[in-house]
Protein backbone atom coordinates (compact mmCIF):
# COMPACT_ATOMS: atom_id res chain seq x y z
CA UNK A 1 0.00 0.00 0.00
CA UNK A 2 2.80 2.45 0.88
CA UNK A 3 4.54 1.64 -2.40
CA UNK A 4 1.34 2.39 -4.32
CA UNK A 5 0.96 5.74 -2.51
CA UNK A 6 4.58 6.63 -3.29
CA UNK A 7 4.10 5.86 -7.00
CA UNK A 8 0.85 7.87 -7.14
CA UNK A 9 2.51 10.80 -5.39
CA UNK A 10 5.46 10.81 -7.81
CA UNK A 11 3.21 10.76 -10.87
CA UNK A 12 0.93 13.47 -9.49
CA UNK A 13 3.67 16.06 -9.01
CA UNK A 14 2.83 19.22 -10.97
CA UNK A 15 4.92 20.35 -13.93
CA UNK A 16 6.27 23.34 -12.03
CA UNK A 17 8.08 21.05 -9.57
CA UNK A 18 10.86 20.62 -12.13
CA UNK A 19 13.90 22.91 -11.80
CA UNK A 20 15.15 25.07 -14.66
CA UNK A 21 18.78 24.81 -15.67
CA UNK A 22 21.11 27.43 -14.13
CA UNK A 23 21.51 29.14 -17.54
CA UNK A 24 18.01 30.59 -17.12
CA UNK A 25 17.36 33.66 -14.99
CA UNK A 26 13.96 33.38 -13.31
CA UNK A 27 12.39 36.86 -13.26
CA UNK A 28 9.11 35.90 -11.61
CA UNK A 29 6.06 33.71 -11.97
CA UNK A 30 2.59 33.48 -13.41
CA UNK A 31 0.42 31.54 -10.97
CA UNK A 32 -2.59 30.09 -12.75
CA UNK A 33 -5.73 28.22 -11.77
CA UNK A 34 -7.19 26.44 -14.79
CA UNK A 35 -9.97 23.86 -14.55
CA UNK A 36 -9.40 23.66 -10.79
CA UNK A 37 -5.69 22.88 -11.16
CA UNK A 38 -3.07 25.24 -9.75
CA UNK A 39 0.02 25.71 -11.90
CA UNK A 40 3.06 27.95 -11.70
CA UNK A 41 4.87 29.12 -14.82
CA UNK A 42 8.32 30.72 -14.44
CA UNK A 43 9.03 33.89 -16.44
CA UNK A 44 12.61 33.66 -17.67
CA UNK A 45 15.48 35.45 -19.40
CA UNK A 46 18.38 33.91 -21.31
CA UNK A 47 21.14 35.21 -23.59
CA UNK A 48 19.73 38.67 -24.23
CA UNK A 49 16.13 37.46 -24.55
CA UNK A 50 13.51 38.12 -21.91
CA UNK A 51 10.05 36.65 -21.49
CA UNK A 52 9.12 39.85 -19.60
CA UNK A 53 9.10 43.23 -21.34
CA UNK A 54 7.66 46.72 -20.81
CA UNK A 55 7.05 49.06 -23.75
CA UNK A 56 6.14 52.74 -23.64
CA UNK A 57 3.07 53.49 -25.73
CA UNK A 58 2.15 56.98 -24.48
CA UNK A 59 3.90 58.38 -21.42
CA UNK A 60 1.50 61.37 -21.09
CA UNK A 61 -1.55 59.16 -20.67
CA UNK A 62 0.27 56.53 -18.59
CA UNK A 63 -0.09 53.94 -21.33
CA UNK A 64 2.45 51.13 -21.24
CA UNK A 65 2.37 47.61 -22.63
CA UNK A 66 3.61 44.68 -20.55
CA UNK A 67 4.31 41.43 -22.39
CA UNK A 68 4.89 38.50 -20.03
CA UNK A 69 5.22 34.80 -20.84
CA UNK A 70 5.46 31.94 -18.38
CA UNK A 71 6.84 28.59 -19.47
CA UNK A 72 6.64 24.96 -18.43
CA UNK A 73 9.75 23.11 -17.36
CA UNK A 74 10.78 19.77 -18.83
CA UNK A 75 12.37 17.04 -16.72
CA UNK A 76 15.79 17.94 -18.23
CA UNK A 77 15.51 21.53 -16.97
CA UNK A 78 14.78 23.17 -20.33
CA UNK A 79 11.73 25.38 -20.88
CA UNK A 80 8.83 24.01 -22.87
CA UNK A 81 5.12 24.22 -23.68
CA UNK A 82 2.46 24.66 -22.51
CA UNK A 83 3.14 28.30 -21.92
CA UNK A 84 0.94 31.22 -20.97
CA UNK A 85 1.34 34.72 -22.33
CA UNK A 86 -0.31 37.66 -20.57
CA UNK A 87 -0.16 41.01 -22.35
CA UNK A 88 -1.69 44.04 -20.68
CA UNK A 89 -1.89 47.69 -21.63
CA UNK A 90 -2.16 50.13 -18.76
CA UNK A 91 -3.83 53.50 -18.95
CA UNK A 92 -4.69 56.15 -16.37
CA UNK A 93 -8.34 55.54 -17.19
CA UNK A 94 -9.71 52.03 -16.75
CA UNK A 95 -11.53 52.21 -20.08
CA UNK A 96 -8.17 52.52 -21.86
CA UNK A 97 -6.79 49.28 -20.46
CA UNK A 98 -6.57 46.04 -22.41
CA UNK A 99 -5.77 42.41 -21.68
CA UNK A 100 -4.74 39.66 -24.09
CA UNK A 101 -4.05 36.14 -22.82
CA UNK A 102 -2.86 33.14 -24.81
CA UNK A 103 -2.38 29.60 -23.54
CA UNK A 104 -0.40 27.58 -26.06
CA UNK A 105 0.04 23.83 -25.72
CA UNK A 106 2.50 23.49 -28.61
CA UNK A 107 4.51 25.72 -30.91
CA UNK A 108 3.67 26.26 -34.56
CA UNK A 109 0.75 23.90 -34.92
CA UNK A 110 -2.84 24.53 -35.81
CA UNK A 111 -5.48 23.67 -33.22
CA UNK A 112 -3.17 24.43 -30.32
CA UNK A 113 -4.16 27.71 -28.79
CA UNK A 114 -6.60 29.11 -26.27
CA UNK A 115 -7.03 32.87 -26.39
CA UNK A 116 -9.00 35.60 -24.67
CA UNK A 117 -8.96 39.37 -24.85
CA UNK A 118 -10.58 42.54 -23.58
CA UNK A 119 -12.04 43.20 -27.04
CA UNK A 120 -13.91 39.89 -26.79
CA UNK A 121 -14.87 40.81 -23.20
CA UNK A 122 -13.35 37.56 -21.98
CA UNK A 123 -10.29 38.88 -20.08
CA UNK A 124 -9.41 41.55 -17.53
CA UNK A 125 -6.74 42.45 -15.02
CA UNK A 126 -6.91 44.24 -11.66
CA UNK A 127 -4.87 45.22 -8.61
CA UNK A 128 -1.99 46.42 -10.79
CA UNK A 129 1.09 47.47 -8.80
CA UNK A 130 4.38 48.70 -10.19
CA UNK A 131 7.18 48.84 -7.64
CA UNK A 132 10.84 49.70 -7.62
CA UNK A 133 13.44 48.13 -9.90
CA UNK A 134 10.87 46.89 -12.44
CA UNK A 135 8.57 44.95 -10.08
CA UNK A 136 5.15 44.36 -11.66
CA UNK A 137 2.26 42.54 -9.98
CA UNK A 138 -1.39 42.12 -10.90
CA UNK A 139 -4.25 39.63 -10.89
CA UNK A 140 -6.13 38.53 -13.98
CA UNK A 141 -9.14 36.49 -14.97
CA UNK A 142 -10.21 35.22 -18.34
CA UNK A 143 -12.41 32.87 -20.24
CA UNK A 144 -10.14 31.08 -22.70
CA UNK A 145 -11.69 30.18 -26.02
CA UNK A 146 -10.20 27.35 -28.11
CA UNK A 147 -9.03 28.49 -31.53
CA UNK A 148 -7.90 26.80 -34.71
CA UNK A 149 -4.87 28.63 -36.07
CA UNK A 150 -3.73 29.09 -39.63
CA UNK A 151 -0.17 30.25 -38.96
CA UNK A 152 0.58 30.98 -42.61
CA UNK A 153 -2.39 33.29 -43.00
CA UNK A 154 -2.37 34.56 -39.40
CA UNK A 155 -6.04 33.62 -38.93
CA UNK A 156 -7.57 32.55 -35.61
CA UNK A 157 -10.98 30.88 -35.85
CA UNK A 158 -12.96 29.94 -32.71
CA UNK A 159 -13.71 26.23 -32.57
CA UNK A 160 -17.37 25.35 -32.42
CA UNK A 161 -18.60 22.93 -29.80
CA UNK A 162 -15.77 23.51 -27.31
CA UNK A 163 -16.71 25.14 -24.04
CA UNK A 164 -14.67 28.13 -22.83
CA UNK A 165 -12.23 27.51 -19.97
CA UNK A 166 -12.32 29.86 -16.98
CA UNK A 167 -8.97 30.83 -15.53
CA UNK A 168 -7.68 33.13 -12.80
CA UNK A 169 -4.13 34.06 -12.07
CA UNK A 170 -1.56 36.31 -10.55
CA UNK A 171 1.64 37.73 -12.03
CA UNK A 172 4.66 38.76 -9.99
CA UNK A 173 7.79 39.62 -11.97
CA UNK A 174 10.77 41.94 -11.86
CA UNK A 175 11.52 43.14 -15.38
CA UNK A 176 15.24 43.91 -15.78
CA UNK A 177 16.09 47.47 -16.79
CA UNK A 178 17.32 46.47 -20.27
CA UNK A 179 13.86 45.04 -21.06
CA UNK A 180 11.73 47.99 -20.02
CA UNK A 181 11.04 51.43 -21.37
CA UNK A 182 10.28 53.51 -18.28
């Protein structure tokens, strides 16, 4: 009986329990609850490439874009799919804010993506805090819709007959200076 419990415990460990190789710099995490399962996706940087960026859109109106992507970790310590991308646009007025969330299970394949956005009224963020040294934190919620993707044409078509997936999450990341336009 103990042996059976040990085996079940080992196979039930979440994907985020794996450790990334030391070559990756972990900048923060996207904590996600999807279909009742809690997952944690590290946001990383490596060799001049960051999965966390801040872009200035309009300084006068307080409009900035934050592009953040959390990855899964393979058993060999490399990053992998599924990954979640959370893009938000801040604005001094709430009506000027936008949210775009993508959950990809594989790279470069049709029928692989869930997506939600403010324009579809299926995503939002709240409790946005920007601290010192590039710290960014906020909560988000979304209803992910399954899409078929034609990568060559850049077309996303909602799949019929698939129910939306409700998600909630929290982002906490420190964006290095070289990857942010303050």
